[in-house]
């Protein structure tokens, strides 16, 4: 299974809604303390960033966005790991 959870760094709720509304992904709510904690925990290097995390919280790929151009090959690699 592969699931995407958005941890937005938007500065206001309107921007958050604009960037998450209509997406098929789960998102950490704008007013949740977990948003900042998640960003800090994974030391997000920039925006946007796609960090691939195992179910146990271990980082598999900090900057998965750099591999997204590989399409399904990237996803297959992440799933296999």
C-alpha atoms as a PDB file:
ATOM      1  CA  UNK A   1       0.000   0.000   0.000  1.00  0.00           C
ATOM      2  CA  UNK A   2       1.148   3.503  -0.779  1.00  0.00           C
ATOM      3  CA  UNK A   3      -0.517   6.561   0.723  1.00  0.00           C
ATOM      4  CA  UNK A   4       0.111  10.285   0.291  1.00  0.00           C
ATOM      5  CA  UNK A   5      -0.401  12.607   3.249  1.00  0.00           C
ATOM      6  CA  UNK A   6       0.023  16.324   2.653  1.00  0.00           C
ATOM      7  CA  UNK A   7       1.771  18.362   5.320  1.00  0.00           C
ATOM      8  CA  UNK A   8       1.244  21.882   4.050  1.00  0.00           C
ATOM      9  CA  UNK A   9       3.513  24.782   4.988  1.00  0.00           C
ATOM     10  CA  UNK A  10       0.898  27.370   3.959  1.00  0.00           C
ATOM     11  CA  UNK A  11       0.836  30.437   6.213  1.00  0.00           C
ATOM     12  CA  UNK A  12      -2.927  30.960   6.257  1.00  0.00           C
ATOM     13  CA  UNK A  13      -6.004  28.777   6.113  1.00  0.00           C
ATOM     14  CA  UNK A  14      -7.227  30.208   2.792  1.00  0.00           C
ATOM     15  CA  UNK A  15      -3.949  29.240   1.097  1.00  0.00           C
ATOM     16  CA  UNK A  16      -4.105  25.828   2.751  1.00  0.00           C
ATOM     17  CA  UNK A  17      -7.610  25.218   1.417  1.00  0.00           C
ATOM     18  CA  UNK A  18      -6.587  26.411  -2.035  1.00  0.00           C
ATOM     19  CA  UNK A  19      -3.654  23.998  -2.208  1.00  0.00           C
ATOM     20  CA  UNK A  20      -5.415  20.960  -0.719  1.00  0.00           C
ATOM     21  CA  UNK A  21      -9.044  21.269  -1.799  1.00  0.00           C
ATOM     22  CA  UNK A  22     -10.011  18.804  -4.485  1.00  0.00           C
ATOM     23  CA  UNK A  23      -6.898  16.637  -4.154  1.00  0.00           C
ATOM     24  CA  UNK A  24      -7.349  12.914  -3.605  1.00  0.00           C
ATOM     25  CA  UNK A  25      -4.795  12.963  -0.768  1.00  0.00           C
ATOM     26  CA  UNK A  26      -5.156  13.057   2.986  1.00  0.00           C
ATOM     27  CA  UNK A  27      -3.900  16.269   4.601  1.00  0.00           C
ATOM     28  CA  UNK A  28      -2.889  17.175   8.123  1.00  0.00           C
ATOM     29  CA  UNK A  29      -5.462  19.831   9.108  1.00  0.00           C
ATOM     30  CA  UNK A  30      -4.292  23.456   8.988  1.00  0.00           C
ATOM     31  CA  UNK A  31      -4.966  24.044  12.689  1.00  0.00           C
ATOM     32  CA  UNK A  32      -3.240  20.835  13.834  1.00  0.00           C
ATOM     33  CA  UNK A  33      -0.089  21.079  15.937  1.00  0.00           C
ATOM     34  CA  UNK A  34       1.107  17.992  14.062  1.00  0.00           C
ATOM     35  CA  UNK A  35       1.686  20.081  10.930  1.00  0.00           C
ATOM     36  CA  UNK A  36       4.690  21.923  12.353  1.00  0.00           C
ATOM     37  CA  UNK A  37       5.871  18.876  14.286  1.00  0.00           C
ATOM     38  CA  UNK A  38       5.867  16.736  11.155  1.00  0.00           C
ATOM     39  CA  UNK A  39       7.754  19.343   9.166  1.00  0.00           C
ATOM     40  CA  UNK A  40      10.362  19.681  11.924  1.00  0.00           C
ATOM     41  CA  UNK A  41      10.681  15.926  12.471  1.00  0.00           C
ATOM     42  CA  UNK A  42      11.535  15.270   8.851  1.00  0.00           C
ATOM     43  CA  UNK A  43      13.701  18.393   8.416  1.00  0.00           C
ATOM     44  CA  UNK A  44      11.936  19.445   5.227  1.00  0.00           C
ATOM     45  CA  UNK A  45      14.706  20.877   3.023  1.00  0.00           C
ATOM     46  CA  UNK A  46      12.480  23.128   0.905  1.00  0.00           C
ATOM     47  CA  UNK A  47       9.065  23.706  -0.564  1.00  0.00           C
ATOM     48  CA  UNK A  48       7.751  21.727  -2.250  1.00  0.00           C
ATOM     49  CA  UNK A  49       9.247  18.511  -0.964  1.00  0.00           C
ATOM     50  CA  UNK A  50       8.032  14.946  -1.296  1.00  0.00           C
ATOM     51  CA  UNK A  51       9.432  12.925   1.587  1.00  0.00           C
ATOM     52  CA  UNK A  52       8.900   9.169   1.414  1.00  0.00           C
ATOM     53  CA  UNK A  53       8.425   7.670   4.865  1.00  0.00           C
ATOM     54  CA  UNK A  54       8.056   4.043   5.874  1.00  0.00           C
ATOM     55  CA  UNK A  55       5.088   3.017   7.997  1.00  0.00           C
ATOM     56  CA  UNK A  56       7.332   3.042  11.091  1.00  0.00           C
ATOM     57  CA  UNK A  57       8.301   6.704  10.487  1.00  0.00           C
ATOM     58  CA  UNK A  58      11.762   6.014   9.061  1.00  0.00           C
ATOM     59  CA  UNK A  59      12.689   8.250   6.134  1.00  0.00           C
ATOM     60  CA  UNK A  60      13.155   6.256   2.948  1.00  0.00           C
ATOM     61  CA  UNK A  61      13.767   9.230   0.651  1.00  0.00           C
ATOM     62  CA  UNK A  62      14.036  12.814   1.951  1.00  0.00           C
ATOM     63  CA  UNK A  63      13.670  14.452  -1.443  1.00  0.00           C
ATOM     64  CA  UNK A  64      11.455  12.090  -3.383  1.00  0.00           C
ATOM     65  CA  UNK A  65      10.345  15.026  -5.525  1.00  0.00           C
ATOM     66  CA  UNK A  66      13.733  14.803  -7.244  1.00  0.00           C
ATOM     67  CA  UNK A  67      12.781  11.303  -8.461  1.00  0.00           C
ATOM     68  CA  UNK A  68       9.185  11.983  -9.441  1.00  0.00           C
ATOM     69  CA  UNK A  69      10.209  12.385 -13.086  1.00  0.00           C
ATOM     70  CA  UNK A  70      10.886   8.636 -13.107  1.00  0.00           C
ATOM     71  CA  UNK A  71       7.129   8.075 -12.750  1.00  0.00           C
ATOM     72  CA  UNK A  72       6.071   4.554 -11.847  1.00  0.00           C
ATOM     73  CA  UNK A  73       9.699   3.458 -11.621  1.00  0.00           C
ATOM     74  CA  UNK A  74      10.129   5.723  -8.574  1.00  0.00           C
ATOM     75  CA  UNK A  75       6.955   4.456  -6.938  1.00  0.00           C
ATOM     76  CA  UNK A  76       7.909   0.845  -7.613  1.00  0.00           C
ATOM     77  CA  UNK A  77      11.326   1.454  -6.020  1.00  0.00           C
ATOM     78  CA  UNK A  78       9.784   3.080  -2.947  1.00  0.00           C
ATOM     79  CA  UNK A  79       7.248   0.289  -2.541  1.00  0.00           C
ATOM     80  CA  UNK A  80       9.943  -2.392  -2.840  1.00  0.00           C
ATOM     81  CA  UNK A  81      12.055  -0.739  -0.154  1.00  0.00           C
END
